[in-house]
Each structure stands twice: as structure tokens, then as C-alpha cells.
């Protein structure tokens, strides 16, 4: 029973991800989880559309609070910000 709920929830997330490129195809070519399925620690790849000057970016989900509508992520890779961001290692 719990597995069924998890599968439905995952399907709902995937359908929402697929909806974004359909609504604004000039801005987004695809949005997909390449690791995980939306929980903290998941990695999402956003591929920008043909009209964008950028190709892609990857985001890591840091925190998710559905009750308070909080979604916190970090940009971990991509050409959209690489000329602007500086990466520091401790």
C-alpha cells in the first residue's frame, strides 16, 4: 500500500516536470531528476530551450517542506552561472 502511494507521488512529480517544457518550450527543453525523485539530496537537470543563451543547469534539492511550500535548492553545475559564480572549497 505505501509503495503504491510513493509510485503515485513520483508519477505526479514527473508529470509536473514534463508540464513545464510544454507550457514554455522556448524557455525549457526538459526538466528531469537524474538522481532521486524530488526528496532532499535529489539532483534535477534543467535543459534550456533553443531561444536561451544557456544550455543547462543542475540543481541539488537541499530541503523540502510541502506544508509550508518551501523548496530550497543549490545550483551545482551548468553554463548559466559559471561566469558569475566562484566555487570555494574548505
C-alpha atoms as a PDB file:
ATOM      1  CA  UNK A   1       0.000   0.000   0.000  1.00  0.00           C
ATOM      2  CA  UNK A   2       2.738   2.520   0.893  1.00  0.00           C
ATOM      3  CA  UNK A   3       4.652   1.620  -2.261  1.00  0.00           C
ATOM      4  CA  UNK A   4       1.566   2.444  -4.325  1.00  0.00           C
ATOM      5  CA  UNK A   5       1.350   5.909  -2.732  1.00  0.00           C
ATOM      6  CA  UNK A   6       5.053   6.512  -3.379  1.00  0.00           C
ATOM      7  CA  UNK A   7       4.627   5.470  -7.024  1.00  0.00           C
ATOM      8  CA  UNK A   8       1.647   7.795  -7.485  1.00  0.00           C
ATOM      9  CA  UNK A   9       3.528  10.650  -5.856  1.00  0.00           C
ATOM     10  CA  UNK A  10       6.535  10.014  -8.118  1.00  0.00           C
ATOM     11  CA  UNK A  11       4.260   9.943 -11.194  1.00  0.00           C
ATOM     12  CA  UNK A  12       2.693  13.229 -10.144  1.00  0.00           C
ATOM     13  CA  UNK A  13       6.130  14.846  -9.751  1.00  0.00           C
ATOM     14  CA  UNK A  14       7.231  13.560 -13.157  1.00  0.00           C
ATOM     15  CA  UNK A  15       4.091  14.830 -14.857  1.00  0.00           C
ATOM     16  CA  UNK A  16       4.645  18.287 -13.320  1.00  0.00           C
ATOM     17  CA  UNK A  17       8.243  18.288 -14.573  1.00  0.00           C
ATOM     18  CA  UNK A  18       7.062  17.360 -18.068  1.00  0.00           C
ATOM     19  CA  UNK A  19       4.431  20.103 -17.987  1.00  0.00           C
ATOM     20  CA  UNK A  20       6.903  22.996 -17.678  1.00  0.00           C
ATOM     21  CA  UNK A  21       8.547  22.463 -21.118  1.00  0.00           C
ATOM     22  CA  UNK A  22       5.083  22.145 -22.689  1.00  0.00           C
ATOM     23  CA  UNK A  23       3.948  25.475 -21.249  1.00  0.00           C
ATOM     24  CA  UNK A  24       7.095  27.439 -22.164  1.00  0.00           C
ATOM     25  CA  UNK A  25       9.011  25.373 -24.767  1.00  0.00           C
ATOM     26  CA  UNK A  26      11.054  28.382 -25.863  1.00  0.00           C
ATOM     27  CA  UNK A  27      12.468  28.654 -22.326  1.00  0.00           C
ATOM     28  CA  UNK A  28      12.809  24.994 -21.291  1.00  0.00           C
ATOM     29  CA  UNK A  29      13.554  21.928 -23.376  1.00  0.00           C
ATOM     30  CA  UNK A  30      13.355  19.469 -20.471  1.00  0.00           C
ATOM     31  CA  UNK A  31      13.345  19.194 -16.692  1.00  0.00           C
ATOM     32  CA  UNK A  32      14.223  15.825 -15.154  1.00  0.00           C
ATOM     33  CA  UNK A  33      15.515  14.245 -11.981  1.00  0.00           C
ATOM     34  CA  UNK A  34      18.772  12.490 -12.758  1.00  0.00           C
ATOM     35  CA  UNK A  35      19.201  11.304  -9.150  1.00  0.00           C
ATOM     36  CA  UNK A  36      16.366  10.718  -6.713  1.00  0.00           C
ATOM     37  CA  UNK A  37      12.767  11.781  -7.218  1.00  0.00           C
ATOM     38  CA  UNK A  38      12.463  15.141  -5.517  1.00  0.00           C
ATOM     39  CA  UNK A  39      13.397  14.461  -1.909  1.00  0.00           C
ATOM     40  CA  UNK A  40      16.371  16.276  -0.328  1.00  0.00           C
ATOM     41  CA  UNK A  41      19.583  15.100  -1.964  1.00  0.00           C
ATOM     42  CA  UNK A  42      17.960  14.675  -5.394  1.00  0.00           C
ATOM     43  CA  UNK A  43      19.636  16.176  -8.460  1.00  0.00           C
ATOM     44  CA  UNK A  44      17.485  17.890 -11.095  1.00  0.00           C
ATOM     45  CA  UNK A  45      18.736  18.822 -14.573  1.00  0.00           C
ATOM     46  CA  UNK A  46      17.094  21.735 -16.364  1.00  0.00           C
ATOM     47  CA  UNK A  47      17.836  21.912 -20.097  1.00  0.00           C
ATOM     48  CA  UNK A  48      17.038  25.312 -21.545  1.00  0.00           C
ATOM     49  CA  UNK A  49      15.187  25.849 -24.825  1.00  0.00           C
ATOM     50  CA  UNK A  50      16.623  26.831 -28.193  1.00  0.00           C
ATOM     51  CA  UNK A  51      15.946  30.530 -27.616  1.00  0.00           C
ATOM     52  CA  UNK A  52      18.008  30.591 -24.430  1.00  0.00           C
ATOM     53  CA  UNK A  53      21.622  31.698 -24.406  1.00  0.00           C
ATOM     54  CA  UNK A  54      22.374  28.877 -21.945  1.00  0.00           C
ATOM     55  CA  UNK A  55      22.336  25.087 -22.301  1.00  0.00           C
ATOM     56  CA  UNK A  56      21.631  23.580 -18.877  1.00  0.00           C
ATOM     57  CA  UNK A  57      21.939  23.730 -15.111  1.00  0.00           C
ATOM     58  CA  UNK A  58      21.841  21.115 -12.375  1.00  0.00           C
ATOM     59  CA  UNK A  59      20.182  21.740  -9.021  1.00  0.00           C
ATOM     60  CA  UNK A  60      20.533  19.799  -5.774  1.00  0.00           C
ATOM     61  CA  UNK A  61      17.432  19.725  -3.561  1.00  0.00           C
ATOM     62  CA  UNK A  62      18.571  20.867  -0.127  1.00  0.00           C
ATOM     63  CA  UNK A  63      15.232  20.960   1.727  1.00  0.00           C
ATOM     64  CA  UNK A  64      11.574  20.343   1.009  1.00  0.00           C
ATOM     65  CA  UNK A  65       8.672  21.372   3.250  1.00  0.00           C
ATOM     66  CA  UNK A  66       5.383  20.675   1.473  1.00  0.00           C
ATOM     67  CA  UNK A  67       3.217  22.011   4.283  1.00  0.00           C
ATOM     68  CA  UNK A  68       4.839  25.460   4.145  1.00  0.00           C
ATOM     69  CA  UNK A  69       5.548  25.409   0.382  1.00  0.00           C
ATOM     70  CA  UNK A  70       9.320  25.648   0.873  1.00  0.00           C
ATOM     71  CA  UNK A  71      11.712  24.293  -1.762  1.00  0.00           C
ATOM     72  CA  UNK A  72      15.405  25.058  -1.237  1.00  0.00           C
ATOM     73  CA  UNK A  73      17.987  24.099  -3.824  1.00  0.00           C
ATOM     74  CA  UNK A  74      21.582  24.827  -4.799  1.00  0.00           C
ATOM     75  CA  UNK A  75      22.844  25.261  -8.348  1.00  0.00           C
ATOM     76  CA  UNK A  76      25.704  22.778  -8.571  1.00  0.00           C
ATOM     77  CA  UNK A  77      26.571  22.805 -12.269  1.00  0.00           C
ATOM     78  CA  UNK A  78      25.707  24.476 -15.541  1.00  0.00           C
ATOM     79  CA  UNK A  79      26.733  27.107 -18.014  1.00  0.00           C
ATOM     80  CA  UNK A  80      24.086  29.625 -16.947  1.00  0.00           C
ATOM     81  CA  UNK A  81      26.048  30.913 -13.965  1.00  0.00           C
ATOM     82  CA  UNK A  82      29.584  29.652 -14.378  1.00  0.00           C
ATOM     83  CA  UNK A  83      30.991  33.021 -15.472  1.00  0.00           C
ATOM     84  CA  UNK A  84      29.354  34.687 -12.465  1.00  0.00           C
ATOM     85  CA  UNK A  85      29.899  32.199  -9.618  1.00  0.00           C
ATOM     86  CA  UNK A  86      33.081  31.313  -7.839  1.00  0.00           C
ATOM     87  CA  UNK A  87      33.393  27.932  -6.170  1.00  0.00           C
ATOM     88  CA  UNK A  88      35.163  27.799  -2.805  1.00  0.00           C
ATOM     89  CA  UNK A  89      36.454  24.616  -1.220  1.00  0.00           C
ATOM     90  CA  UNK A  90      37.049  24.427   2.521  1.00  0.00           C
END
